[in-house]
PDB file of N, CA and C in Angstrom:
ATOM      1  N   UNK A   1     -44.773-107.666 -39.699  1.00  0.00           N
ATOM      2  CA  UNK A   1     -43.116-107.597 -40.193  1.00  0.00           C
ATOM      3  C   UNK A   1     -42.707-109.049 -39.554  1.00  0.00           C
ATOM      4  N   UNK A   2     -42.210-110.086 -40.318  1.00  0.00           N
ATOM      5  CA  UNK A   2     -41.321-111.428 -39.810  1.00  0.00           C
ATOM      6  C   UNK A   2     -40.285-111.287 -39.575  1.00  0.00           C
ATOM      7  N   UNK A   3     -40.050-111.566 -38.499  1.00  0.00           N
ATOM      8  CA  UNK A   3     -38.276-111.877 -38.355  1.00  0.00           C
ATOM      9  C   UNK A   3     -37.581-113.244 -38.581  1.00  0.00           C
ATOM     10  N   UNK A   4     -36.653-112.938 -39.524  1.00  0.00           N
ATOM     11  CA  UNK A   4     -35.637-114.520 -39.516  1.00  0.00           C
ATOM     12  C   UNK A   4     -34.579-113.997 -39.046  1.00  0.00           C
ATOM     13  N   UNK A   5     -34.409-115.328 -38.382  1.00  0.00           N
ATOM     14  CA  UNK A   5     -33.460-115.713 -36.951  1.00  0.00           C
ATOM     15  C   UNK A   5     -32.133-115.887 -38.171  1.00  0.00           C
ATOM     16  N   UNK A   6     -31.217-115.520 -38.416  1.00  0.00           N
ATOM     17  CA  UNK A   6     -29.596-116.460 -38.683  1.00  0.00           C
ATOM     18  C   UNK A   6     -28.674-116.139 -37.965  1.00  0.00           C
ATOM     19  N   UNK A   7     -27.872-117.199 -38.231  1.00  0.00           N
ATOM     20  CA  UNK A   7     -26.367-117.571 -37.473  1.00  0.00           C
ATOM     21  C   UNK A   7     -25.542-117.128 -38.676  1.00  0.00           C
ATOM     22  N   UNK A   8     -24.470-115.786 -38.196  1.00  0.00           N
ATOM     23  CA  UNK A   8     -23.998-115.054 -39.270  1.00  0.00           C
ATOM     24  C   UNK A   8     -22.580-116.092 -39.299  1.00  0.00           C
ATOM     25  N   UNK A   9     -22.574-117.184 -38.180  1.00  0.00           N
ATOM     26  CA  UNK A   9     -20.997-117.948 -38.752  1.00  0.00           C
ATOM     27  C   UNK A   9     -21.760-119.554 -39.509  1.00  0.00           C
ATOM     28  N   UNK A  10     -22.672-119.532 -39.721  1.00  0.00           N
ATOM     29  CA  UNK A  10     -22.874-120.845 -40.386  1.00  0.00           C
ATOM     30  C   UNK A  10     -23.038-120.269 -42.185  1.00  0.00           C
ATOM     31  N   UNK A  11     -23.010-121.186 -42.910  1.00  0.00           N
ATOM     32  CA  UNK A  11     -23.013-120.713 -44.562  1.00  0.00           C
ATOM     33  C   UNK A  11     -24.911-121.426 -44.613  1.00  0.00           C
ATOM     34  N   UNK A  12     -25.024-122.597 -45.235  1.00  0.00           N
ATOM     35  CA  UNK A  12     -26.392-123.244 -45.622  1.00  0.00           C
ATOM     36  C   UNK A  12     -26.543-123.192 -44.198  1.00  0.00           C
ATOM     37  N   UNK A  13     -28.253-123.080 -43.717  1.00  0.00           N
ATOM     38  CA  UNK A  13     -28.844-123.315 -42.665  1.00  0.00           C
ATOM     39  C   UNK A  13     -30.347-123.287 -42.607  1.00  0.00           C
ATOM     40  N   UNK A  14     -30.823-124.222 -41.517  1.00  0.00           N
ATOM     41  CA  UNK A  14     -32.099-124.023 -41.106  1.00  0.00           C
ATOM     42  C   UNK A  14     -32.227-122.872 -40.552  1.00  0.00           C
ATOM     43  N   UNK A  15     -33.197-121.644 -40.890  1.00  0.00           N
ATOM     44  CA  UNK A  15     -33.993-120.839 -40.040  1.00  0.00           C
ATOM     45  C   UNK A  15     -35.074-120.782 -39.864  1.00  0.00           C
ATOM     46  N   UNK A  16     -35.213-120.111 -38.443  1.00  0.00           N
ATOM     47  CA  UNK A  16     -36.740-119.715 -37.687  1.00  0.00           C
ATOM     48  C   UNK A  16     -37.489-118.547 -38.069  1.00  0.00           C
ATOM     49  N   UNK A  17     -38.176-118.487 -37.769  1.00  0.00           N
ATOM     50  CA  UNK A  17     -39.479-117.168 -38.131  1.00  0.00           C
ATOM     51  C   UNK A  17     -39.932-116.712 -36.821  1.00  0.00           C
ATOM     52  N   UNK A  18     -40.563-115.662 -36.656  1.00  0.00           N
ATOM     53  CA  UNK A  18     -40.807-115.080 -35.541  1.00  0.00           C
ATOM     54  C   UNK A  18     -42.411-115.539 -35.273  1.00  0.00           C
ATOM     55  N   UNK A  19     -43.075-116.276 -36.729  1.00  0.00           N
ATOM     56  CA  UNK A  19     -44.107-117.043 -36.294  1.00  0.00           C
ATOM     57  C   UNK A  19     -44.278-118.554 -36.175  1.00  0.00           C
ATOM     58  N   UNK A  20     -42.657-119.032 -35.629  1.00  0.00           N
ATOM     59  CA  UNK A  20     -42.557-120.068 -35.534  1.00  0.00           C
ATOM     60  C   UNK A  20     -42.246-121.103 -36.576  1.00  0.00           C
ATOM     61  N   UNK A  21     -42.486-120.833 -37.719  1.00  0.00           N
ATOM     62  CA  UNK A  21     -42.254-121.584 -39.391  1.00  0.00           C
ATOM     63  C   UNK A  21     -40.802-121.308 -39.343  1.00  0.00           C
ATOM     64  N   UNK A  22     -40.641-122.438 -39.960  1.00  0.00           N
ATOM     65  CA  UNK A  22     -39.007-122.591 -40.576  1.00  0.00           C
ATOM     66  C   UNK A  22     -38.625-122.632 -41.957  1.00  0.00           C
ATOM     67  N   UNK A  23     -37.695-121.944 -42.436  1.00  0.00           N
ATOM     68  CA  UNK A  23     -36.926-122.011 -43.745  1.00  0.00           C
ATOM     69  C   UNK A  23     -35.321-122.901 -43.455  1.00  0.00           C
ATOM     70  N   UNK A  24     -35.344-122.384 -45.256  1.00  0.00           N
ATOM     71  CA  UNK A  24     -34.137-122.834 -45.258  1.00  0.00           C
ATOM     72  C   UNK A  24     -33.157-121.442 -45.752  1.00  0.00           C
ATOM     73  N   UNK A  25     -31.553-121.625 -45.717  1.00  0.00           N
ATOM     74  CA  UNK A  25     -30.830-120.559 -46.132  1.00  0.00           C
ATOM     75  C   UNK A  25     -30.213-121.258 -46.863  1.00  0.00           C
ATOM     76  N   UNK A  26     -29.635-121.266 -47.949  1.00  0.00           N
ATOM     77  CA  UNK A  26     -28.790-121.417 -48.939  1.00  0.00           C
ATOM     78  C   UNK A  26     -28.013-120.331 -49.253  1.00  0.00           C
ATOM     79  N   UNK A  27     -26.847-120.150 -49.534  1.00  0.00           N
ATOM     80  CA  UNK A  27     -25.426-119.245 -49.266  1.00  0.00           C
ATOM     81  C   UNK A  27     -24.965-120.009 -50.704  1.00  0.00           C
ATOM     82  N   UNK A  28     -24.835-118.934 -51.888  1.00  0.00           N
ATOM     83  CA  UNK A  28     -23.894-119.220 -53.400  1.00  0.00           C
ATOM     84  C   UNK A  28     -23.266-118.107 -53.849  1.00  0.00           C
ATOM     85  N   UNK A  29     -21.797-118.342 -54.679  1.00  0.00           N
ATOM     86  CA  UNK A  29     -21.359-117.135 -54.934  1.00  0.00           C
ATOM     87  C   UNK A  29     -22.421-117.449 -56.333  1.00  0.00           C
ATOM     88  N   UNK A  30     -21.944-116.079 -56.801  1.00  0.00           N
ATOM     89  CA  UNK A  30     -22.662-115.919 -58.421  1.00  0.00           C
ATOM     90  C   UNK A  30     -21.314-115.308 -59.204  1.00  0.00           C
ATOM     91  N   UNK A  31     -21.597-115.360 -60.525  1.00  0.00           N
ATOM     92  CA  UNK A  31     -20.779-115.624 -61.606  1.00  0.00           C
ATOM     93  C   UNK A  31     -20.430-113.567 -61.103  1.00  0.00           C
ATOM     94  N   UNK A  32     -21.097-112.987 -61.057  1.00  0.00           N
ATOM     95  CA  UNK A  32     -21.036-111.649 -60.817  1.00  0.00           C
ATOM     96  C   UNK A  32     -19.553-111.198 -59.337  1.00  0.00           C
ATOM     97  N   UNK A  33     -19.729-112.042 -58.653  1.00  0.00           N
ATOM     98  CA  UNK A  33     -18.571-111.466 -57.711  1.00  0.00           C
ATOM     99  C   UNK A  33     -19.887-112.074 -56.318  1.00  0.00           C
ATOM    100  N   UNK A  34     -20.974-111.086 -55.866  1.00  0.00           N
ATOM    101  CA  UNK A  34     -21.227-111.236 -54.707  1.00  0.00           C
ATOM    102  C   UNK A  34     -22.318-112.611 -54.401  1.00  0.00           C
ATOM    103  N   UNK A  35     -22.029-112.588 -52.951  1.00  0.00           N
ATOM    104  CA  UNK A  35     -22.547-113.926 -52.440  1.00  0.00           C
ATOM    105  C   UNK A  35     -24.010-113.490 -52.433  1.00  0.00           C
ATOM    106  N   UNK A  36     -25.023-115.108 -52.759  1.00  0.00           N
ATOM    107  CA  UNK A  36     -26.636-114.633 -52.976  1.00  0.00           C
ATOM    108  C   UNK A  36     -26.725-115.494 -51.862  1.00  0.00           C
ATOM    109  N   UNK A  37     -27.801-114.855 -50.766  1.00  0.00           N
ATOM    110  CA  UNK A  37     -28.534-115.724 -50.239  1.00  0.00           C
ATOM    111  C   UNK A  37     -29.875-116.001 -50.209  1.00  0.00           C
ATOM    112  N   UNK A  38     -30.223-117.245 -50.401  1.00  0.00           N
ATOM    113  CA  UNK A  38     -31.106-117.955 -51.039  1.00  0.00           C
ATOM    114  C   UNK A  38     -32.621-118.194 -49.755  1.00  0.00           C
ATOM    115  N   UNK A  39     -33.441-117.744 -49.710  1.00  0.00           N
ATOM    116  CA  UNK A  39     -34.429-117.979 -48.100  1.00  0.00           C
ATOM    117  C   UNK A  39     -35.473-118.819 -49.510  1.00  0.00           C
ATOM    118  N   UNK A  40     -35.576-119.756 -48.410  1.00  0.00           N
ATOM    119  CA  UNK A  40     -36.995-120.554 -49.005  1.00  0.00           C
ATOM    120  C   UNK A  40     -37.672-121.504 -47.857  1.00  0.00           C
ATOM    121  N   UNK A  41     -38.783-121.031 -48.116  1.00  0.00           N
ATOM    122  CA  UNK A  41     -40.268-121.663 -46.918  1.00  0.00           C
ATOM    123  C   UNK A  41     -40.616-122.253 -47.253  1.00  0.00           C
ATOM    124  N   UNK A  42     -41.079-123.663 -46.537  1.00  0.00           N
ATOM    125  CA  UNK A  42     -42.159-124.244 -46.716  1.00  0.00           C
ATOM    126  C   UNK A  42     -43.821-123.930 -47.214  1.00  0.00           C
ATOM    127  N   UNK A  43     -44.623-124.916 -47.811  1.00  0.00           N
ATOM    128  CA  UNK A  43     -45.610-124.422 -47.682  1.00  0.00           C
ATOM    129  C   UNK A  43     -45.955-123.572 -48.581  1.00  0.00           C
ATOM    130  N   UNK A  44     -46.851-122.440 -48.278  1.00  0.00           N
ATOM    131  CA  UNK A  44     -47.488-121.604 -48.455  1.00  0.00           C
ATOM    132  C   UNK A  44     -47.580-119.871 -47.799  1.00  0.00           C
ATOM    133  N   UNK A  45     -47.338-120.200 -47.069  1.00  0.00           N
ATOM    134  CA  UNK A  45     -47.216-118.978 -46.103  1.00  0.00           C
ATOM    135  C   UNK A  45     -46.682-118.134 -46.034  1.00  0.00           C
ATOM    136  N   UNK A  46     -45.540-118.101 -46.818  1.00  0.00           N
ATOM    137  CA  UNK A  46     -44.215-117.052 -46.401  1.00  0.00           C
ATOM    138  C   UNK A  46     -43.637-116.610 -48.198  1.00  0.00           C
ATOM    139  N   UNK A  47     -43.497-115.956 -48.813  1.00  0.00           N
ATOM    140  CA  UNK A  47     -42.770-116.089 -50.248  1.00  0.00           C
ATOM    141  C   UNK A  47     -41.338-116.152 -49.702  1.00  0.00           C
ATOM    142  N   UNK A  48     -40.497-117.137 -50.442  1.00  0.00           N
ATOM    143  CA  UNK A  48     -39.408-117.074 -51.035  1.00  0.00           C
ATOM    144  C   UNK A  48     -38.728-116.146 -51.812  1.00  0.00           C
ATOM    145  N   UNK A  49     -37.181-115.564 -51.250  1.00  0.00           N
ATOM    146  CA  UNK A  49     -36.941-114.601 -51.378  1.00  0.00           C
ATOM    147  C   UNK A  49     -35.160-114.913 -51.651  1.00  0.00           C
ATOM    148  N   UNK A  50     -34.233-113.882 -52.602  1.00  0.00           N
ATOM    149  CA  UNK A  50     -33.141-113.764 -52.354  1.00  0.00           C
ATOM    150  C   UNK A  50     -32.387-112.576 -52.017  1.00  0.00           C
ATOM    151  N   UNK A  51     -31.263-112.571 -51.552  1.00  0.00           N
ATOM    152  CA  UNK A  51     -30.619-111.139 -50.986  1.00  0.00           C
ATOM    153  C   UNK A  51     -29.232-111.185 -51.612  1.00  0.00           C
ATOM    154  N   UNK A  52     -28.603-110.301 -52.869  1.00  0.00           N
ATOM    155  CA  UNK A  52     -27.285-110.830 -53.278  1.00  0.00           C
ATOM    156  C   UNK A  52     -26.412-109.369 -51.900  1.00  0.00           C
ATOM    157  N   UNK A  53     -25.334-109.760 -52.005  1.00  0.00           N
ATOM    158  CA  UNK A  53     -24.441-109.079 -51.319  1.00  0.00           C
ATOM    159  C   UNK A  53     -24.740-109.303 -49.639  1.00  0.00           C
ATOM    160  N   UNK A  54     -23.675-108.620 -48.682  1.00  0.00           N
ATOM    161  CA  UNK A  54     -23.717-109.068 -47.449  1.00  0.00           C
ATOM    162  C   UNK A  54     -25.129-109.026 -47.249  1.00  0.00           C
ATOM    163  N   UNK A  55     -25.464-109.782 -45.619  1.00  0.00           N
ATOM    164  CA  UNK A  55     -26.534-109.311 -44.778  1.00  0.00           C
ATOM    165  C   UNK A  55     -26.171-108.686 -43.533  1.00  0.00           C
ATOM    166  N   UNK A  56     -27.032-108.225 -43.034  1.00  0.00           N
ATOM    167  CA  UNK A  56     -26.183-107.322 -41.778  1.00  0.00           C
ATOM    168  C   UNK A  56     -27.723-107.634 -41.220  1.00  0.00           C
ATOM    169  N   UNK A  57     -27.214-107.366 -39.596  1.00  0.00           N
ATOM    170  CA  UNK A  57     -27.702-107.496 -38.158  1.00  0.00           C
ATOM    171  C   UNK A  57     -28.760-106.238 -38.571  1.00  0.00           C
ATOM    172  N   UNK A  58     -30.127-106.324 -38.839  1.00  0.00           N
ATOM    173  CA  UNK A  58     -31.253-105.567 -38.894  1.00  0.00           C
ATOM    174  C   UNK A  58     -32.014-105.219 -39.822  1.00  0.00           C
ATOM    175  N   UNK A  59     -31.243-105.733 -41.154  1.00  0.00           N
ATOM    176  CA  UNK A  59     -31.641-105.559 -42.846  1.00  0.00           C
ATOM    177  C   UNK A  59     -33.064-106.056 -43.002  1.00  0.00           C
ATOM    178  N   UNK A  60     -33.735-105.278 -43.528  1.00  0.00           N
ATOM    179  CA  UNK A  60     -35.164-105.366 -43.906  1.00  0.00           C
ATOM    180  C   UNK A  60     -35.183-105.575 -45.534  1.00  0.00           C
ATOM    181  N   UNK A  61     -36.036-106.956 -45.974  1.00  0.00           N
ATOM    182  CA  UNK A  61     -36.172-106.964 -47.038  1.00  0.00           C
ATOM    183  C   UNK A  61     -38.167-107.019 -47.346  1.00  0.00           C
ATOM    184  N   UNK A  62     -38.343-106.128 -48.425  1.00  0.00           N
ATOM    185  CA  UNK A  62     -40.005-106.858 -48.811  1.00  0.00           C
ATOM    186  C   UNK A  62     -39.855-107.457 -49.847  1.00  0.00           C
ATOM    187  N   UNK A  63     -40.897-108.273 -49.945  1.00  0.00           N
ATOM    188  CA  UNK A  63     -41.156-108.795 -50.520  1.00  0.00           C
ATOM    189  C   UNK A  63     -42.819-108.846 -51.738  1.00  0.00           C
ATOM    190  N   UNK A  64     -42.369-108.919 -52.943  1.00  0.00           N
ATOM    191  CA  UNK A  64     -43.838-109.226 -53.549  1.00  0.00           C
ATOM    192  C   UNK A  64     -43.892-110.436 -54.227  1.00  0.00           C
ATOM    193  N   UNK A  65     -45.437-110.748 -53.486  1.00  0.00           N
ATOM    194  CA  UNK A  65     -46.193-112.109 -54.360  1.00  0.00           C
ATOM    195  C   UNK A  65     -47.404-112.229 -54.754  1.00  0.00           C
ATOM    196  N   UNK A  66     -47.254-112.996 -55.263  1.00  0.00           N
ATOM    197  CA  UNK A  66     -48.833-113.322 -55.878  1.00  0.00           C
ATOM    198  C   UNK A  66     -49.634-113.120 -55.064  1.00  0.00           C
ATOM    199  N   UNK A  67     -49.644-113.353 -53.145  1.00  0.00           N
ATOM    200  CA  UNK A  67     -50.444-113.196 -52.110  1.00  0.00           C
ATOM    201  C   UNK A  67     -50.125-111.483 -51.402  1.00  0.00           C
ATOM    202  N   UNK A  68     -49.275-111.427 -51.996  1.00  0.00           N
ATOM    203  CA  UNK A  68     -49.441-109.676 -51.479  1.00  0.00           C
ATOM    204  C   UNK A  68     -47.921-109.554 -50.899  1.00  0.00           C
ATOM    205  N   UNK A  69     -47.920-108.128 -50.240  1.00  0.00           N
ATOM    206  CA  UNK A  69     -46.570-108.247 -49.776  1.00  0.00           C
ATOM    207  C   UNK A  69     -46.479-108.243 -48.951  1.00  0.00           C
ATOM    208  N   UNK A  70     -45.218-109.109 -48.662  1.00  0.00           N
ATOM    209  CA  UNK A  70     -44.374-109.611 -47.234  1.00  0.00           C
ATOM    210  C   UNK A  70     -43.014-109.210 -46.832  1.00  0.00           C
ATOM    211  N   UNK A  71     -43.084-108.289 -45.134  1.00  0.00           N
ATOM    212  CA  UNK A  71     -41.696-107.441 -44.904  1.00  0.00           C
ATOM    213  C   UNK A  71     -41.125-108.809 -44.248  1.00  0.00           C
ATOM    214  N   UNK A  72     -39.936-109.112 -44.140  1.00  0.00           N
ATOM    215  CA  UNK A  72     -39.134-109.547 -43.572  1.00  0.00           C
ATOM    216  C   UNK A  72     -37.844-108.386 -42.873  1.00  0.00           C
ATOM    217  N   UNK A  73     -37.222-108.781 -41.499  1.00  0.00           N
ATOM    218  CA  UNK A  73     -36.540-108.211 -41.063  1.00  0.00           C
ATOM    219  C   UNK A  73     -35.601-109.508 -40.854  1.00  0.00           C
ATOM    220  N   UNK A  74     -34.200-109.612 -40.669  1.00  0.00           N
ATOM    221  CA  UNK A  74     -33.048-110.546 -40.486  1.00  0.00           C
ATOM    222  C   UNK A  74     -32.479-110.389 -39.333  1.00  0.00           C
ATOM    223  N   UNK A  75     -32.225-110.843 -38.364  1.00  0.00           N
ATOM    224  CA  UNK A  75     -31.698-110.635 -36.711  1.00  0.00           C
ATOM    225  C   UNK A  75     -30.558-111.651 -36.890  1.00  0.00           C
ATOM    226  N   UNK A  76     -29.521-111.751 -36.749  1.00  0.00           N
ATOM    227  CA  UNK A  76     -28.607-112.408 -36.086  1.00  0.00           C
ATOM    228  C   UNK A  76     -28.714-112.833 -34.818  1.00  0.00           C
ATOM    229  N   UNK A  77     -28.677-113.885 -34.519  1.00  0.00           N
ATOM    230  CA  UNK A  77     -28.824-115.077 -33.226  1.00  0.00           C
ATOM    231  C   UNK A  77     -27.292-115.230 -32.790  1.00  0.00           C
TER     232      UNK A  77
END
């Protein structure tokens, strides 16, 4: 499982992963009401994903991609 380190006080931000890769977190409001957090990673090592609703410290996400399953844990820093 990879850890994504997020600053909960920032909106859009560069994030660091536990394997030293980096990504980008974009925060947008949806028309349905909840906030959407979109995690995008450069290269093909990690699949990008989004999460609707609030982020919480320790939240785990499982992402299915063409390359298989990737598990992430989000930790606030």
